[in-house]
């Protein structure tokens, strides 16, 4: 990893460039910087989610995810390096299986909402999808390891499942179930 910052206002980015951990300077509009920024925003959004009432196991999982996202950001900052392990992807797969097993099958599309913690998880899910798109765009221009892309894909699925879990946990007294989309077609056909 590059040098640790001792000064935050370095003024080296005043020209529209930023430094990567390997010492290279790139435009702040570079696809790599966009992906790094989206992963950073995602990690910050998980920080917001962690301020909500959460089951202890969900809290521990999200704290672990934050650490892994920092690894992913570090990998993006060090072109050609691998910091996020395939074990991290496997861990998300296990968590997905565990949390999804207790949920009822989906009968309709779900709207973001319900408990505040569930709504915040949905926002994190959408930020994850944006980070994934940025990473895919970077991969179209440069070599990118598969694990980060797979990780973000699984994480967005996991955050969807966790939003459903949090609605049922009802820790803030506002949840209880998912918020279902009411299809006009289904309403018209008398199916809702």
N, C-alpha and C. Protein backbone atom coordinates (compact mmCIF):
# COMPACT_ATOMS: atom_id res chain seq x y z
N UNK A 1 0.84 -1.16 0.00
CA UNK A 1 0.00 0.00 0.00
C UNK A 1 0.89 1.23 0.00
N UNK A 2 0.40 2.29 -0.56
CA UNK A 2 1.16 3.54 -0.64
C UNK A 2 1.35 4.19 0.72
N UNK A 3 1.95 5.35 0.68
CA UNK A 3 2.19 6.09 1.92
C UNK A 3 0.88 6.45 2.59
N UNK A 4 0.91 6.48 3.89
CA UNK A 4 -0.25 6.94 4.66
C UNK A 4 -0.23 8.47 4.64
N UNK A 5 -1.41 9.05 4.52
CA UNK A 5 -1.50 10.50 4.50
C UNK A 5 -1.29 11.07 5.89
N UNK A 6 -0.45 12.06 5.96
CA UNK A 6 -0.29 12.78 7.21
C UNK A 6 -0.97 14.15 7.07
N UNK A 7 -1.12 14.61 5.84
CA UNK A 7 -1.84 15.85 5.54
C UNK A 7 -3.00 15.50 4.63
N UNK A 8 -4.17 15.98 4.92
CA UNK A 8 -5.34 15.71 4.09
C UNK A 8 -5.39 16.68 2.91
N UNK A 9 -5.16 17.95 3.13
CA UNK A 9 -5.19 18.94 2.05
C UNK A 9 -3.80 19.04 1.43
N UNK A 10 -3.53 18.18 0.43
CA UNK A 10 -2.21 18.17 -0.21
C UNK A 10 -2.13 19.12 -1.40
N UNK A 11 -3.29 19.48 -1.95
CA UNK A 11 -3.40 20.37 -3.11
C UNK A 11 -2.86 19.73 -4.39
N UNK A 12 -2.45 18.47 -4.33
CA UNK A 12 -1.94 17.81 -5.54
C UNK A 12 -3.05 17.49 -6.53
N UNK A 13 -4.29 17.50 -6.08
CA UNK A 13 -5.41 17.21 -6.97
C UNK A 13 -6.04 18.45 -7.57
N UNK A 14 -5.46 19.60 -7.31
CA UNK A 14 -6.03 20.84 -7.83
C UNK A 14 -6.04 20.88 -9.36
N UNK A 15 -5.19 20.08 -9.99
CA UNK A 15 -5.12 20.07 -11.46
C UNK A 15 -6.09 19.06 -12.08
N UNK A 16 -6.94 18.44 -11.24
CA UNK A 16 -7.91 17.49 -11.78
C UNK A 16 -7.40 16.06 -11.85
N UNK A 17 -6.28 15.80 -11.20
CA UNK A 17 -5.74 14.43 -11.16
C UNK A 17 -5.73 13.95 -9.71
N UNK A 18 -5.56 12.64 -9.57
CA UNK A 18 -5.44 12.05 -8.24
C UNK A 18 -4.38 10.97 -8.30
N UNK A 19 -3.81 10.66 -7.15
CA UNK A 19 -2.77 9.65 -7.09
C UNK A 19 -3.34 8.28 -6.73
N UNK A 20 -2.87 7.26 -7.42
CA UNK A 20 -3.19 5.89 -7.06
C UNK A 20 -2.15 5.40 -6.06
N UNK A 21 -2.42 4.29 -5.43
CA UNK A 21 -1.52 3.78 -4.38
C UNK A 21 -0.16 3.37 -4.94
N UNK A 22 -0.09 3.11 -6.26
CA UNK A 22 1.19 2.74 -6.85
C UNK A 22 2.01 3.96 -7.28
N UNK A 23 1.50 5.17 -6.99
CA UNK A 23 2.22 6.40 -7.31
C UNK A 23 1.79 7.03 -8.63
N UNK A 24 1.06 6.31 -9.46
CA UNK A 24 0.60 6.86 -10.74
C UNK A 24 -0.43 7.95 -10.48
N UNK A 25 -0.48 8.92 -11.39
CA UNK A 25 -1.49 9.98 -11.32
C UNK A 25 -2.41 9.80 -12.51
N UNK A 26 -3.71 9.89 -12.24
CA UNK A 26 -4.71 9.75 -13.29
C UNK A 26 -5.75 10.86 -13.12
N UNK A 27 -6.50 11.10 -14.18
CA UNK A 27 -7.56 12.09 -14.13
C UNK A 27 -8.63 11.64 -13.13
N UNK A 28 -9.21 12.59 -12.44
CA UNK A 28 -10.28 12.26 -11.49
C UNK A 28 -11.50 11.70 -12.20
N UNK A 29 -11.58 11.89 -13.51
CA UNK A 29 -12.68 11.33 -14.30
C UNK A 29 -12.36 9.93 -14.83
N UNK A 30 -11.21 9.39 -14.51
CA UNK A 30 -10.79 8.07 -14.98
C UNK A 30 -11.75 7.00 -14.46
N UNK A 31 -11.98 6.00 -15.26
CA UNK A 31 -12.90 4.91 -14.86
C UNK A 31 -12.47 4.25 -13.55
N UNK A 32 -11.19 4.14 -13.33
CA UNK A 32 -10.70 3.53 -12.09
C UNK A 32 -11.09 4.38 -10.88
N UNK A 33 -10.97 5.68 -11.01
CA UNK A 33 -11.31 6.59 -9.92
C UNK A 33 -12.83 6.57 -9.68
N UNK A 34 -13.59 6.48 -10.75
CA UNK A 34 -15.05 6.37 -10.61
C UNK A 34 -15.41 5.11 -9.82
N UNK A 35 -14.80 3.99 -10.17
CA UNK A 35 -15.07 2.73 -9.46
C UNK A 35 -14.65 2.84 -8.00
N UNK A 36 -13.48 3.43 -7.75
CA UNK A 36 -13.02 3.60 -6.37
C UNK A 36 -14.00 4.46 -5.59
N UNK A 37 -14.48 5.54 -6.20
CA UNK A 37 -15.41 6.43 -5.53
C UNK A 37 -16.74 5.76 -5.22
N UNK A 38 -17.22 4.94 -6.16
CA UNK A 38 -18.48 4.24 -5.93
C UNK A 38 -18.35 3.20 -4.82
N UNK A 39 -17.21 2.52 -4.75
CA UNK A 39 -16.97 1.57 -3.66
C UNK A 39 -16.86 2.31 -2.33
N UNK A 40 -16.23 3.46 -2.33
CA UNK A 40 -16.12 4.27 -1.11
C UNK A 40 -17.50 4.74 -0.66
N UNK A 41 -18.32 5.19 -1.62
CA UNK A 41 -19.68 5.61 -1.28
C UNK A 41 -20.48 4.44 -0.71
N UNK A 42 -20.31 3.27 -1.29
CA UNK A 42 -21.00 2.08 -0.79
C UNK A 42 -20.59 1.80 0.65
N UNK A 43 -19.30 1.86 0.93
CA UNK A 43 -18.82 1.60 2.28
C UNK A 43 -19.40 2.64 3.25
N UNK A 44 -19.50 3.89 2.81
CA UNK A 44 -20.10 4.93 3.65
C UNK A 44 -21.58 4.66 3.88
N UNK A 45 -22.27 4.19 2.85
CA UNK A 45 -23.69 3.88 2.99
C UNK A 45 -23.89 2.72 3.98
N UNK A 46 -22.98 1.75 3.96
CA UNK A 46 -23.05 0.68 4.96
C UNK A 46 -22.79 1.23 6.36
N UNK A 47 -21.95 2.24 6.45
CA UNK A 47 -21.74 2.91 7.74
C UNK A 47 -23.03 3.53 8.25
N UNK A 48 -23.83 4.11 7.36
CA UNK A 48 -25.13 4.65 7.76
C UNK A 48 -26.03 3.51 8.22
N UNK A 49 -26.06 2.42 7.47
CA UNK A 49 -26.89 1.27 7.86
C UNK A 49 -26.49 0.74 9.23
N UNK A 50 -25.21 0.76 9.52
CA UNK A 50 -24.73 0.26 10.82
C UNK A 50 -25.14 1.16 11.99
N UNK A 51 -25.64 2.35 11.73
CA UNK A 51 -26.15 3.19 12.82
C UNK A 51 -27.58 2.82 13.20
N UNK A 52 -28.21 1.96 12.41
CA UNK A 52 -29.60 1.55 12.65
C UNK A 52 -29.64 0.38 13.63
N UNK A 53 -30.81 0.16 14.25
CA UNK A 53 -30.97 -1.06 15.05
C UNK A 53 -30.89 -2.28 14.12
N UNK A 54 -29.99 -3.21 14.43
CA UNK A 54 -29.77 -4.39 13.60
C UNK A 54 -29.61 -5.62 14.48
N UNK A 55 -30.01 -6.79 13.99
CA UNK A 55 -29.67 -8.02 14.71
C UNK A 55 -28.14 -8.14 14.78
N UNK A 56 -27.65 -8.70 15.86
CA UNK A 56 -26.19 -8.79 16.08
C UNK A 56 -25.47 -9.49 14.94
N UNK A 57 -26.06 -10.57 14.41
CA UNK A 57 -25.39 -11.31 13.34
C UNK A 57 -25.32 -10.49 12.05
N UNK A 58 -26.36 -9.71 11.77
CA UNK A 58 -26.35 -8.85 10.58
C UNK A 58 -25.32 -7.75 10.76
N UNK A 59 -25.23 -7.18 11.95
CA UNK A 59 -24.24 -6.14 12.24
C UNK A 59 -22.81 -6.68 12.02
N UNK A 60 -22.53 -7.86 12.55
CA UNK A 60 -21.19 -8.45 12.39
C UNK A 60 -20.88 -8.71 10.92
N UNK A 61 -21.87 -9.18 10.17
CA UNK A 61 -21.68 -9.44 8.75
C UNK A 61 -21.37 -8.14 8.01
N UNK A 62 -22.13 -7.09 8.27
CA UNK A 62 -21.91 -5.82 7.58
C UNK A 62 -20.57 -5.19 7.95
N UNK A 63 -20.14 -5.37 9.19
CA UNK A 63 -18.82 -4.86 9.58
C UNK A 63 -17.71 -5.61 8.83
N UNK A 64 -17.90 -6.90 8.64
CA UNK A 64 -16.93 -7.69 7.86
C UNK A 64 -16.93 -7.22 6.40
N UNK A 65 -18.11 -6.96 5.86
CA UNK A 65 -18.23 -6.48 4.49
C UNK A 65 -17.51 -5.14 4.33
N UNK A 66 -17.63 -4.25 5.31
CA UNK A 66 -16.92 -2.97 5.23
C UNK A 66 -15.41 -3.18 5.11
N UNK A 67 -14.87 -4.11 5.87
CA UNK A 67 -13.44 -4.40 5.79
C UNK A 67 -13.07 -4.91 4.39
N UNK A 68 -13.91 -5.78 3.86
CA UNK A 68 -13.65 -6.35 2.54
C UNK A 68 -13.78 -5.29 1.44
N UNK A 69 -14.72 -4.37 1.61
CA UNK A 69 -14.85 -3.29 0.64
C UNK A 69 -13.61 -2.39 0.65
N UNK A 70 -13.00 -2.23 1.83
CA UNK A 70 -11.76 -1.47 1.89
C UNK A 70 -10.67 -2.19 1.12
N UNK A 71 -10.63 -3.52 1.24
CA UNK A 71 -9.69 -4.31 0.44
C UNK A 71 -9.95 -4.12 -1.05
N UNK A 72 -11.23 -4.14 -1.43
CA UNK A 72 -11.59 -3.96 -2.83
C UNK A 72 -11.14 -2.59 -3.33
N UNK A 73 -11.37 -1.56 -2.53
CA UNK A 73 -10.92 -0.22 -2.90
C UNK A 73 -9.40 -0.16 -3.03
N UNK A 74 -8.70 -0.85 -2.12
CA UNK A 74 -7.25 -0.90 -2.21
C UNK A 74 -6.79 -1.59 -3.48
N UNK A 75 -7.49 -2.65 -3.85
CA UNK A 75 -7.15 -3.36 -5.09
C UNK A 75 -7.35 -2.45 -6.30
N UNK A 76 -8.41 -1.68 -6.30
CA UNK A 76 -8.64 -0.75 -7.40
C UNK A 76 -7.57 0.33 -7.45
N UNK A 77 -7.05 0.70 -6.29
CA UNK A 77 -6.02 1.74 -6.22
C UNK A 77 -4.64 1.21 -6.60
N UNK A 78 -4.50 -0.10 -6.67
CA UNK A 78 -3.23 -0.73 -7.02
C UNK A 78 -3.43 -1.59 -8.27
N UNK A 79 -3.43 -0.99 -9.45
CA UNK A 79 -3.66 -1.76 -10.67
C UNK A 79 -2.74 -2.97 -10.76
N UNK A 80 -3.33 -4.12 -11.11
CA UNK A 80 -2.56 -5.34 -11.27
C UNK A 80 -2.41 -6.16 -9.99
N UNK A 81 -2.87 -5.63 -8.86
CA UNK A 81 -2.77 -6.34 -7.59
C UNK A 81 -4.09 -7.03 -7.25
N UNK A 82 -4.00 -8.01 -6.36
CA UNK A 82 -5.20 -8.72 -5.89
C UNK A 82 -5.23 -8.66 -4.37
N UNK A 83 -6.23 -7.95 -3.83
CA UNK A 83 -6.36 -7.83 -2.38
C UNK A 83 -7.64 -8.47 -1.85
N UNK A 84 -8.66 -8.55 -2.69
CA UNK A 84 -9.93 -9.16 -2.28
C UNK A 84 -9.90 -10.63 -2.67
N UNK A 85 -10.05 -11.49 -1.69
CA UNK A 85 -9.91 -12.93 -1.96
C UNK A 85 -11.21 -13.53 -2.48
N UNK A 86 -11.08 -14.65 -3.19
CA UNK A 86 -12.26 -15.39 -3.65
C UNK A 86 -13.02 -15.95 -2.45
N UNK A 87 -12.33 -16.10 -1.30
CA UNK A 87 -13.02 -16.54 -0.08
C UNK A 87 -14.06 -15.52 0.36
N UNK A 88 -13.82 -14.24 0.08
CA UNK A 88 -14.80 -13.21 0.43
C UNK A 88 -16.08 -13.41 -0.37
N UNK A 89 -15.95 -13.78 -1.65
CA UNK A 89 -17.13 -14.06 -2.48
C UNK A 89 -17.86 -15.28 -1.93
N UNK A 90 -17.13 -16.31 -1.58
CA UNK A 90 -17.74 -17.52 -1.03
C UNK A 90 -18.46 -17.21 0.29
N UNK A 91 -17.90 -16.31 1.08
CA UNK A 91 -18.54 -15.93 2.34
C UNK A 91 -19.88 -15.25 2.10
N UNK A 92 -19.95 -14.42 1.05
CA UNK A 92 -21.23 -13.79 0.71
C UNK A 92 -22.23 -14.83 0.22
N UNK A 93 -21.75 -15.82 -0.53
CA UNK A 93 -22.63 -16.90 -0.98
C UNK A 93 -23.23 -17.64 0.21
N UNK A 94 -22.41 -17.92 1.20
CA UNK A 94 -22.90 -18.62 2.40
C UNK A 94 -23.92 -17.77 3.15
N UNK A 95 -23.63 -16.47 3.28
CA UNK A 95 -24.56 -15.58 3.97
C UNK A 95 -25.88 -15.48 3.21
N UNK A 96 -25.81 -15.40 1.90
CA UNK A 96 -27.03 -15.36 1.07
C UNK A 96 -27.89 -16.59 1.31
N UNK A 97 -27.25 -17.74 1.29
CA UNK A 97 -27.98 -18.99 1.50
C UNK A 97 -28.61 -19.02 2.89
N UNK A 98 -27.85 -18.61 3.89
CA UNK A 98 -28.33 -18.63 5.28
C UNK A 98 -29.55 -17.72 5.47
N UNK A 99 -29.43 -16.45 5.04
CA UNK A 99 -30.50 -15.49 5.30
C UNK A 99 -31.71 -15.72 4.39
N UNK A 100 -31.48 -16.15 3.18
CA UNK A 100 -32.60 -16.36 2.26
C UNK A 100 -33.44 -17.58 2.66
N UNK A 101 -32.82 -18.55 3.33
CA UNK A 101 -33.53 -19.79 3.70
C UNK A 101 -34.72 -19.52 4.60
N UNK A 102 -34.67 -18.48 5.41
CA UNK A 102 -35.74 -18.21 6.37
C UNK A 102 -36.84 -17.30 5.80
N UNK A 103 -36.66 -16.82 4.57
CA UNK A 103 -37.62 -15.88 4.00
C UNK A 103 -38.68 -16.59 3.17
N UNK A 104 -39.90 -16.06 3.17
CA UNK A 104 -40.92 -16.63 2.29
C UNK A 104 -40.57 -16.34 0.83
N UNK A 105 -41.00 -17.22 -0.08
CA UNK A 105 -40.72 -16.97 -1.50
C UNK A 105 -41.35 -15.66 -1.96
N UNK A 106 -40.74 -15.04 -2.92
CA UNK A 106 -41.27 -13.80 -3.47
C UNK A 106 -42.47 -14.11 -4.36
N UNK A 107 -43.56 -13.37 -4.16
CA UNK A 107 -44.74 -13.52 -4.99
C UNK A 107 -44.93 -12.29 -5.89
N UNK A 108 -44.25 -11.21 -5.56
CA UNK A 108 -44.40 -9.95 -6.28
C UNK A 108 -43.11 -9.16 -6.11
N UNK A 109 -42.94 -8.14 -6.93
CA UNK A 109 -41.78 -7.27 -6.78
C UNK A 109 -41.90 -6.49 -5.47
N UNK A 110 -40.74 -6.13 -4.92
CA UNK A 110 -40.68 -5.42 -3.65
C UNK A 110 -40.20 -4.00 -3.89
N UNK A 111 -40.87 -3.07 -3.24
CA UNK A 111 -40.44 -1.67 -3.27
C UNK A 111 -39.49 -1.41 -2.10
N UNK A 112 -38.52 -0.52 -2.28
CA UNK A 112 -37.66 -0.17 -1.16
C UNK A 112 -38.48 0.49 -0.06
N UNK A 113 -38.41 -0.03 1.14
CA UNK A 113 -39.16 0.57 2.23
C UNK A 113 -39.41 -0.39 3.35
N UNK A 114 -40.40 -0.07 4.17
CA UNK A 114 -40.69 -0.84 5.37
C UNK A 114 -39.97 -0.20 6.53
N UNK A 115 -39.23 -0.99 7.25
CA UNK A 115 -38.41 -0.47 8.35
C UNK A 115 -37.33 0.44 7.78
N UNK A 116 -36.93 1.45 8.56
CA UNK A 116 -35.88 2.35 8.09
C UNK A 116 -34.60 1.59 7.75
N UNK A 117 -34.22 0.62 8.57
CA UNK A 117 -33.00 -0.15 8.30
C UNK A 117 -33.12 -0.89 6.96
N UNK A 118 -34.31 -1.40 6.65
CA UNK A 118 -34.51 -2.09 5.37
C UNK A 118 -34.38 -1.11 4.21
N UNK A 119 -34.95 0.08 4.37
CA UNK A 119 -34.86 1.10 3.32
C UNK A 119 -33.41 1.51 3.09
N UNK A 120 -32.64 1.65 4.17
CA UNK A 120 -31.22 2.01 4.04
C UNK A 120 -30.46 0.86 3.36
N UNK A 121 -30.81 -0.37 3.66
CA UNK A 121 -30.19 -1.52 2.98
C UNK A 121 -30.50 -1.49 1.49
N UNK A 122 -31.71 -1.09 1.13
CA UNK A 122 -32.05 -0.98 -0.29
C UNK A 122 -31.23 0.12 -0.97
N UNK A 123 -31.01 1.24 -0.29
CA UNK A 123 -30.16 2.28 -0.87
C UNK A 123 -28.75 1.73 -1.07
N UNK A 124 -28.23 1.01 -0.09
CA UNK A 124 -26.90 0.41 -0.21
C UNK A 124 -26.86 -0.57 -1.39
N UNK A 125 -27.94 -1.29 -1.59
CA UNK A 125 -28.03 -2.23 -2.71
C UNK A 125 -27.89 -1.49 -4.04
N UNK A 126 -28.57 -0.34 -4.18
CA UNK A 126 -28.50 0.38 -5.44
C UNK A 126 -27.12 1.00 -5.65
N UNK A 127 -26.49 1.44 -4.58
CA UNK A 127 -25.12 1.96 -4.69
C UNK A 127 -24.18 0.82 -5.08
N UNK A 128 -24.43 -0.38 -4.56
CA UNK A 128 -23.62 -1.54 -4.92
C UNK A 128 -23.72 -1.80 -6.42
N UNK A 129 -24.94 -1.75 -6.95
CA UNK A 129 -25.13 -1.98 -8.39
C UNK A 129 -24.38 -0.93 -9.21
N UNK A 130 -24.38 0.33 -8.75
CA UNK A 130 -23.64 1.36 -9.47
C UNK A 130 -22.13 1.07 -9.42
N UNK A 131 -21.65 0.67 -8.26
CA UNK A 131 -20.23 0.33 -8.15
C UNK A 131 -19.89 -0.84 -9.07
N UNK A 132 -20.79 -1.80 -9.14
CA UNK A 132 -20.57 -2.94 -10.03
C UNK A 132 -20.50 -2.48 -11.50
N UNK A 133 -21.42 -1.60 -11.89
CA UNK A 133 -21.39 -1.09 -13.27
C UNK A 133 -20.09 -0.34 -13.55
N UNK A 134 -19.62 0.43 -12.58
CA UNK A 134 -18.36 1.17 -12.76
C UNK A 134 -17.20 0.20 -12.90
N UNK A 135 -17.22 -0.88 -12.13
CA UNK A 135 -16.15 -1.87 -12.22
C UNK A 135 -16.18 -2.59 -13.56
N UNK A 136 -17.37 -2.90 -14.05
CA UNK A 136 -17.50 -3.54 -15.37
C UNK A 136 -16.99 -2.59 -16.45
N UNK A 137 -17.33 -1.31 -16.34
CA UNK A 137 -16.85 -0.32 -17.32
C UNK A 137 -15.32 -0.23 -17.28
N UNK A 138 -14.74 -0.26 -16.10
CA UNK A 138 -13.28 -0.26 -15.98
C UNK A 138 -12.70 -1.50 -16.65
N UNK A 139 -13.35 -2.65 -16.44
CA UNK A 139 -12.89 -3.90 -17.03
C UNK A 139 -12.95 -3.92 -18.55
N UNK A 140 -13.78 -3.06 -19.13
CA UNK A 140 -13.83 -2.95 -20.59
C UNK A 140 -12.62 -2.22 -21.13
N UNK A 141 -11.96 -1.43 -20.29
CA UNK A 141 -10.80 -0.64 -20.72
C UNK A 141 -9.48 -1.20 -20.22
N UNK A 142 -9.51 -1.89 -19.06
CA UNK A 142 -8.28 -2.39 -18.43
C UNK A 142 -8.57 -3.76 -17.82
N UNK A 143 -7.51 -4.48 -17.54
CA UNK A 143 -7.66 -5.77 -16.87
C UNK A 143 -8.12 -5.55 -15.43
N UNK A 144 -9.16 -6.27 -15.03
CA UNK A 144 -9.68 -6.22 -13.67
C UNK A 144 -9.88 -7.65 -13.20
N UNK A 145 -9.50 -7.94 -11.98
CA UNK A 145 -9.70 -9.28 -11.44
C UNK A 145 -11.18 -9.62 -11.35
N UNK A 146 -11.49 -10.90 -11.42
CA UNK A 146 -12.90 -11.34 -11.40
C UNK A 146 -13.52 -11.23 -10.01
N UNK A 147 -12.75 -11.46 -8.95
CA UNK A 147 -13.32 -11.49 -7.59
C UNK A 147 -14.03 -10.20 -7.21
N UNK A 148 -13.50 -9.01 -7.48
CA UNK A 148 -14.23 -7.79 -7.10
C UNK A 148 -15.58 -7.67 -7.80
N UNK A 149 -15.62 -8.01 -9.09
CA UNK A 149 -16.89 -7.93 -9.82
C UNK A 149 -17.90 -8.93 -9.24
N UNK A 150 -17.44 -10.15 -8.99
CA UNK A 150 -18.31 -11.18 -8.41
C UNK A 150 -18.77 -10.77 -7.02
N UNK A 151 -17.86 -10.18 -6.25
CA UNK A 151 -18.18 -9.75 -4.89
C UNK A 151 -19.32 -8.72 -4.90
N UNK A 152 -19.21 -7.72 -5.76
CA UNK A 152 -20.24 -6.69 -5.81
C UNK A 152 -21.57 -7.26 -6.29
N UNK A 153 -21.52 -8.18 -7.23
CA UNK A 153 -22.74 -8.81 -7.70
C UNK A 153 -23.43 -9.56 -6.56
N UNK A 154 -22.68 -10.34 -5.79
CA UNK A 154 -23.25 -11.07 -4.66
C UNK A 154 -23.73 -10.13 -3.56
N UNK A 155 -22.95 -9.07 -3.33
CA UNK A 155 -23.30 -8.14 -2.25
C UNK A 155 -24.63 -7.46 -2.53
N UNK A 156 -24.88 -7.09 -3.77
CA UNK A 156 -26.18 -6.45 -4.05
C UNK A 156 -27.32 -7.43 -3.78
N UNK A 157 -27.13 -8.69 -4.14
CA UNK A 157 -28.15 -9.71 -3.84
C UNK A 157 -28.32 -9.85 -2.32
N UNK A 158 -27.20 -9.90 -1.62
CA UNK A 158 -27.25 -10.05 -0.16
C UNK A 158 -27.97 -8.87 0.49
N UNK A 159 -27.71 -7.66 0.03
CA UNK A 159 -28.36 -6.49 0.61
C UNK A 159 -29.87 -6.51 0.36
N UNK A 160 -30.30 -7.04 -0.78
CA UNK A 160 -31.73 -7.21 -1.03
C UNK A 160 -32.33 -8.17 -0.02
N UNK A 161 -31.66 -9.30 0.18
CA UNK A 161 -32.13 -10.30 1.14
C UNK A 161 -32.12 -9.73 2.55
N UNK A 162 -31.05 -9.01 2.91
CA UNK A 162 -30.98 -8.43 4.25
C UNK A 162 -32.07 -7.39 4.47
N UNK A 163 -32.45 -6.64 3.44
CA UNK A 163 -33.55 -5.70 3.58
C UNK A 163 -34.83 -6.45 3.95
N UNK A 164 -35.05 -7.60 3.34
CA UNK A 164 -36.23 -8.40 3.68
C UNK A 164 -36.12 -8.93 5.12
N UNK A 165 -34.93 -9.35 5.51
CA UNK A 165 -34.69 -9.83 6.87
C UNK A 165 -34.96 -8.70 7.87
N UNK A 166 -34.47 -7.51 7.57
CA UNK A 166 -34.63 -6.38 8.48
C UNK A 166 -36.09 -5.96 8.59
N UNK A 167 -36.84 -6.05 7.52
CA UNK A 167 -38.27 -5.76 7.63
C UNK A 167 -38.94 -6.72 8.60
N UNK A 168 -38.55 -7.95 8.59
CA UNK A 168 -39.16 -8.94 9.48
C UNK A 168 -38.63 -8.82 10.90
N UNK A 169 -37.41 -8.33 11.07
CA UNK A 169 -36.85 -8.17 12.41
C UNK A 169 -37.62 -7.11 13.18
N UNK A 170 -38.12 -6.08 12.47
CA UNK A 170 -39.00 -5.07 13.07
C UNK A 170 -38.39 -4.43 14.32
N UNK A 171 -37.09 -4.20 14.29
CA UNK A 171 -36.41 -3.65 15.47
C UNK A 171 -36.77 -2.20 15.76
N UNK A 172 -37.25 -1.48 14.75
CA UNK A 172 -37.61 -0.09 14.98
C UNK A 172 -39.12 0.11 15.12
N UNK A 173 -39.87 -1.00 15.11
CA UNK A 173 -41.31 -0.92 15.27
C UNK A 173 -42.06 -0.48 14.03
N UNK A 174 -41.36 -0.30 12.91
CA UNK A 174 -42.01 0.18 11.69
C UNK A 174 -42.08 -0.88 10.60
N UNK A 175 -41.41 -1.99 10.79
CA UNK A 175 -41.35 -3.00 9.75
C UNK A 175 -42.42 -4.06 9.92
N UNK A 176 -42.09 -5.25 9.59
CA UNK A 176 -43.01 -6.36 9.72
C UNK A 176 -43.15 -7.14 8.44
N UNK A 177 -43.06 -6.48 7.31
CA UNK A 177 -43.16 -7.17 6.03
C UNK A 177 -42.56 -6.28 4.96
N UNK A 178 -42.37 -6.88 3.80
CA UNK A 178 -41.88 -6.11 2.66
C UNK A 178 -42.99 -5.21 2.15
N UNK A 179 -42.60 -4.20 1.40
CA UNK A 179 -43.55 -3.33 0.72
C UNK A 179 -43.65 -3.83 -0.71
N UNK A 180 -44.82 -4.33 -1.06
CA UNK A 180 -45.00 -4.95 -2.37
C UNK A 180 -45.49 -3.96 -3.41
N UNK A 181 -44.99 -4.12 -4.62
CA UNK A 181 -45.46 -3.35 -5.75
C UNK A 181 -46.84 -3.84 -6.13
N UNK A 182 -47.74 -2.92 -6.35
CA UNK A 182 -49.09 -3.29 -6.77
C UNK A 182 -49.19 -3.05 -8.27
N UNK A 183 -49.11 -4.11 -9.00
CA UNK A 183 -49.17 -4.04 -10.45
C UNK A 183 -50.58 -3.65 -10.88
N UNK A 184 -50.68 -2.65 -11.73
CA UNK A 184 -52.00 -2.25 -12.24
C UNK A 184 -52.65 -3.39 -13.02
N UNK A 185 -51.84 -4.15 -13.73
CA UNK A 185 -52.39 -5.28 -14.47
C UNK A 185 -52.98 -6.30 -13.53
N UNK A 186 -52.25 -6.63 -12.46
CA UNK A 186 -52.74 -7.62 -11.51
C UNK A 186 -53.99 -7.10 -10.78
N UNK A 187 -53.99 -5.79 -10.43
CA UNK A 187 -55.16 -5.21 -9.78
C UNK A 187 -56.37 -5.27 -10.71
N UNK A 188 -56.14 -4.96 -11.98
CA UNK A 188 -57.20 -4.97 -12.97
C UNK A 188 -57.76 -6.38 -13.15
N UNK A 189 -56.87 -7.37 -13.09
CA UNK A 189 -57.29 -8.77 -13.27
C UNK A 189 -57.78 -9.39 -11.98
N UNK A 190 -57.83 -8.59 -10.89
CA UNK A 190 -58.33 -9.09 -9.62
C UNK A 190 -57.42 -10.07 -8.92
N UNK A 191 -56.12 -9.97 -9.19
CA UNK A 191 -55.17 -10.92 -8.59
C UNK A 191 -54.44 -10.36 -7.38
N UNK A 192 -54.72 -9.12 -6.98
CA UNK A 192 -54.05 -8.59 -5.79
C UNK A 192 -55.06 -8.18 -4.75
